[in-house]
Amino acid sequence: QESADAVSFLMDLGVNLDVLSQCGGHSHARTHRAPPRPDGKPSNIGWDIMSTLIRRVHETEGITVTTSTTVLGLLTDGDRVVGIQCQHGEDVFDLYGASVILATGGYAADRGENGLLSTYSPD
């Protein structure tokens, strides 16, 4: 029900979602896709969306992005999270903000015998 807002948001950021497709199991065309690349191959829409969002985050003032950083704990004020304590290399530091978003990068490549993928999605 809310997909139109999400599609509009992404298109406003510059993601091309001009192709409307009917996929298996759908009664109507409702899957938004990018048109094929100039060489005729399908566009990787996941890459298009993520690279657009990442670029937008890096262009936005007031957002701090840290990578290869370990979160050591959440900083709270009463019952509200106001920041994180983290470690990057040997440096331990605190980051404060009005909002805190933790993004772990997922575990699709964690295919070890005792990895998260085999533990939670063995099939």
C-alpha atoms as a PDB file:
ATOM      1  CA  GLN A   1       0.000   0.000   0.000  1.00  0.00           C
ATOM      2  CA  GLU A   2       2.896   2.374   0.622  1.00  0.00           C
ATOM      3  CA  SER A   3       5.072   1.366  -2.319  1.00  0.00           C
ATOM      4  CA  ALA A   4       4.153   4.412  -4.423  1.00  0.00           C
ATOM      5  CA  ASP A   5       5.799   6.687  -1.835  1.00  0.00           C
ATOM      6  CA  ALA A   6       8.945   4.518  -1.822  1.00  0.00           C
ATOM      7  CA  VAL A   7       9.128   4.487  -5.642  1.00  0.00           C
ATOM      8  CA  SER A   8       8.628   8.272  -5.768  1.00  0.00           C
ATOM      9  CA  PHE A   9      11.302   8.786  -3.106  1.00  0.00           C
ATOM     10  CA  LEU A  10      13.849   6.710  -5.055  1.00  0.00           C
ATOM     11  CA  MET A  11      12.980   8.345  -8.375  1.00  0.00           C
ATOM     12  CA  ASP A  12      13.312  11.809  -6.807  1.00  0.00           C
ATOM     13  CA  LEU A  13      16.848  10.800  -5.797  1.00  0.00           C
ATOM     14  CA  GLY A  14      17.615   9.837  -9.402  1.00  0.00           C
ATOM     15  CA  VAL A  15      17.011   6.072  -9.486  1.00  0.00           C
ATOM     16  CA  ASN A  16      15.506   5.179 -12.858  1.00  0.00           C
ATOM     17  CA  LEU A  17      12.454   2.965 -12.256  1.00  0.00           C
ATOM     18  CA  ASP A  18      10.667   3.632 -15.540  1.00  0.00           C
ATOM     19  CA  VAL A  19       9.965  -0.007 -16.459  1.00  0.00           C
ATOM     20  CA  LEU A  20       6.877  -1.609 -14.927  1.00  0.00           C
ATOM     21  CA  SER A  21       6.909  -5.430 -15.103  1.00  0.00           C
ATOM     22  CA  GLN A  22       4.496  -8.224 -14.294  1.00  0.00           C
ATOM     23  CA  CYS A  23       6.401 -10.941 -12.463  1.00  0.00           C
ATOM     24  CA  GLY A  24       5.370 -14.521 -11.700  1.00  0.00           C
ATOM     25  CA  GLY A  25       2.388 -14.747  -9.392  1.00  0.00           C
ATOM     26  CA  HIS A  26       1.340 -11.135  -9.974  1.00  0.00           C
ATOM     27  CA  SER A  27      -2.078 -10.382 -11.418  1.00  0.00           C
ATOM     28  CA  HIS A  28      -0.906  -6.995 -12.724  1.00  0.00           C
ATOM     29  CA  ALA A  29       2.319  -5.259 -13.664  1.00  0.00           C
ATOM     30  CA  ARG A  30       3.618  -3.786 -10.400  1.00  0.00           C
ATOM     31  CA  THR A  31       7.368  -4.377 -10.194  1.00  0.00           C
ATOM     32  CA  HIS A  32       9.395  -1.256 -10.940  1.00  0.00           C
ATOM     33  CA  ARG A  33      12.703  -1.808 -12.712  1.00  0.00           C
ATOM     34  CA  ALA A  34      15.344   0.175 -14.506  1.00  0.00           C
ATOM     35  CA  PRO A  35      15.540  -0.094 -18.284  1.00  0.00           C
ATOM     36  CA  PRO A  36      18.272  -2.319 -19.744  1.00  0.00           C
ATOM     37  CA  ARG A  37      21.793  -0.895 -19.971  1.00  0.00           C
ATOM     38  CA  PRO A  38      23.005   0.404 -23.352  1.00  0.00           C
ATOM     39  CA  ASP A  39      24.592  -3.002 -24.047  1.00  0.00           C
ATOM     40  CA  GLY A  40      21.161  -4.656 -23.646  1.00  0.00           C
ATOM     41  CA  LYS A  41      21.975  -6.397 -20.364  1.00  0.00           C
ATOM     42  CA  PRO A  42      19.596  -5.932 -17.436  1.00  0.00           C
ATOM     43  CA  SER A  43      20.424  -3.199 -14.981  1.00  0.00           C
ATOM     44  CA  ASN A  44      21.309  -4.311 -11.456  1.00  0.00           C
ATOM     45  CA  ILE A  45      18.590  -2.364  -9.673  1.00  0.00           C
ATOM     46  CA  GLY A  46      19.869  -3.279  -6.211  1.00  0.00           C
ATOM     47  CA  TRP A  47      23.230  -1.731  -7.078  1.00  0.00           C
ATOM     48  CA  ASP A  48      21.527   1.310  -8.615  1.00  0.00           C
ATOM     49  CA  ILE A  49      19.431   1.897  -5.493  1.00  0.00           C
ATOM     50  CA  MET A  50      22.235   1.306  -2.998  1.00  0.00           C
ATOM     51  CA  SER A  51      24.837   3.404  -4.833  1.00  0.00           C
ATOM     52  CA  THR A  52      22.322   6.269  -5.115  1.00  0.00           C
ATOM     53  CA  LEU A  53      21.436   6.079  -1.405  1.00  0.00           C
ATOM     54  CA  ILE A  54      25.089   5.820  -0.341  1.00  0.00           C
ATOM     55  CA  ARG A  55      26.016   8.825  -2.477  1.00  0.00           C
ATOM     56  CA  ARG A  56      23.120  10.812  -0.995  1.00  0.00           C
ATOM     57  CA  VAL A  57      24.153   9.947   2.567  1.00  0.00           C
ATOM     58  CA  HIS A  58      27.725  11.081   1.911  1.00  0.00           C
ATOM     59  CA  GLU A  59      26.439  14.348   0.386  1.00  0.00           C
ATOM     60  CA  THR A  60      24.207  15.135   3.378  1.00  0.00           C
ATOM     61  CA  GLU A  61      25.652  17.340   6.101  1.00  0.00           C
ATOM     62  CA  GLY A  62      25.273  16.092   9.644  1.00  0.00           C
ATOM     63  CA  ILE A  63      25.546  12.366   8.861  1.00  0.00           C
ATOM     64  CA  THR A  64      28.634  10.542  10.124  1.00  0.00           C
ATOM     65  CA  VAL A  65      29.440   7.260   8.400  1.00  0.00           C
ATOM     66  CA  THR A  66      32.095   4.982   9.827  1.00  0.00           C
ATOM     67  CA  THR A  67      33.142   1.685   8.278  1.00  0.00           C
ATOM     68  CA  SER A  68      35.267  -1.137   9.683  1.00  0.00           C
ATOM     69  CA  THR A  69      34.179   0.108  13.087  1.00  0.00           C
ATOM     70  CA  THR A  70      33.143  -1.982  16.080  1.00  0.00           C
ATOM     71  CA  VAL A  71      30.292  -0.719  18.244  1.00  0.00           C
ATOM     72  CA  LEU A  72      31.250  -1.273  21.860  1.00  0.00           C
ATOM     73  CA  GLY A  73      28.017  -0.011  23.371  1.00  0.00           C
ATOM     74  CA  LEU A  74      25.043   2.289  23.129  1.00  0.00           C
ATOM     75  CA  LEU A  75      25.116   5.623  24.940  1.00  0.00           C
ATOM     76  CA  THR A  76      21.820   6.397  26.620  1.00  0.00           C
ATOM     77  CA  ASP A  77      20.080   9.218  28.402  1.00  0.00           C
ATOM     78  CA  GLY A  78      17.387   7.519  30.448  1.00  0.00           C
ATOM     79  CA  ASP A  79      15.602   5.173  28.052  1.00  0.00           C
ATOM     80  CA  ARG A  80      16.740   7.060  24.929  1.00  0.00           C
ATOM     81  CA  VAL A  81      19.752   6.077  22.784  1.00  0.00           C
ATOM     82  CA  VAL A  82      21.795   9.237  22.157  1.00  0.00           C
ATOM     83  CA  GLY A  83      24.957   7.784  20.622  1.00  0.00           C
ATOM     84  CA  ILE A  84      27.429   4.937  20.444  1.00  0.00           C
ATOM     85  CA  GLN A  85      30.832   4.119  21.829  1.00  0.00           C
ATOM     86  CA  CYS A  86      32.924   2.578  19.090  1.00  0.00           C
ATOM     87  CA  GLN A  87      36.396   1.465  18.127  1.00  0.00           C
ATOM     88  CA  HIS A  88      38.189   1.980  14.836  1.00  0.00           C
ATOM     89  CA  GLY A  89      41.637   0.418  14.881  1.00  0.00           C
ATOM     90  CA  GLU A  90      43.154   1.390  18.234  1.00  0.00           C
ATOM     91  CA  ASP A  91      40.957   4.502  18.623  1.00  0.00           C
ATOM     92  CA  VAL A  92      37.949   4.328  20.973  1.00  0.00           C
ATOM     93  CA  PHE A  93      35.510   7.225  20.687  1.00  0.00           C
ATOM     94  CA  ASP A  94      31.914   8.288  21.243  1.00  0.00           C
ATOM     95  CA  LEU A  95      29.528   9.509  18.552  1.00  0.00           C
ATOM     96  CA  TYR A  96      26.381  11.391  19.550  1.00  0.00           C
ATOM     97  CA  GLY A  97      23.356  12.227  17.424  1.00  0.00           C
ATOM     98  CA  ALA A  98      19.656  12.961  17.406  1.00  0.00           C
ATOM     99  CA  SER A  99      19.218   9.611  15.647  1.00  0.00           C
ATOM    100  CA  VAL A 100      21.354   6.479  15.729  1.00  0.00           C
ATOM    101  CA  ILE A 101      21.223   3.927  12.900  1.00  0.00           C
ATOM    102  CA  LEU A 102      23.204   0.692  13.175  1.00  0.00           C
ATOM    103  CA  ALA A 103      23.836  -1.077   9.868  1.00  0.00           C
ATOM    104  CA  THR A 104      25.768  -4.332  10.108  1.00  0.00           C
ATOM    105  CA  GLY A 105      26.161  -5.202   6.445  1.00  0.00           C
ATOM    106  CA  GLY A 106      24.239  -8.455   6.685  1.00  0.00           C
ATOM    107  CA  TYR A 107      25.608 -11.971   6.732  1.00  0.00           C
ATOM    108  CA  ALA A 108      25.066 -13.356   3.221  1.00  0.00           C
ATOM    109  CA  ALA A 109      28.795 -14.090   2.840  1.00  0.00           C
ATOM    110  CA  ASP A 110      29.092 -15.773   6.260  1.00  0.00           C
ATOM    111  CA  ARG A 111      28.961 -19.317   4.863  1.00  0.00           C
ATOM    112  CA  GLY A 112      31.193 -21.031   7.427  1.00  0.00           C
ATOM    113  CA  GLU A 113      30.061 -24.211   9.138  1.00  0.00           C
ATOM    114  CA  ASN A 114      29.031 -22.251  12.260  1.00  0.00           C
ATOM    115  CA  GLY A 115      28.208 -19.019  10.427  1.00  0.00           C
ATOM    116  CA  LEU A 116      25.017 -17.033  10.734  1.00  0.00           C
ATOM    117  CA  LEU A 117      23.759 -18.148   7.325  1.00  0.00           C
ATOM    118  CA  SER A 118      24.051 -21.854   8.115  1.00  0.00           C
ATOM    119  CA  THR A 119      22.607 -21.279  11.590  1.00  0.00           C
ATOM    120  CA  TYR A 120      19.548 -19.234  10.623  1.00  0.00           C
ATOM    121  CA  SER A 121      18.985 -20.209   6.990  1.00  0.00           C
ATOM    122  CA  PRO A 122      20.460 -23.681   6.470  1.00  0.00           C
ATOM    123  CA  ASP A 123      18.572 -24.259   3.201  1.00  0.00           C
END
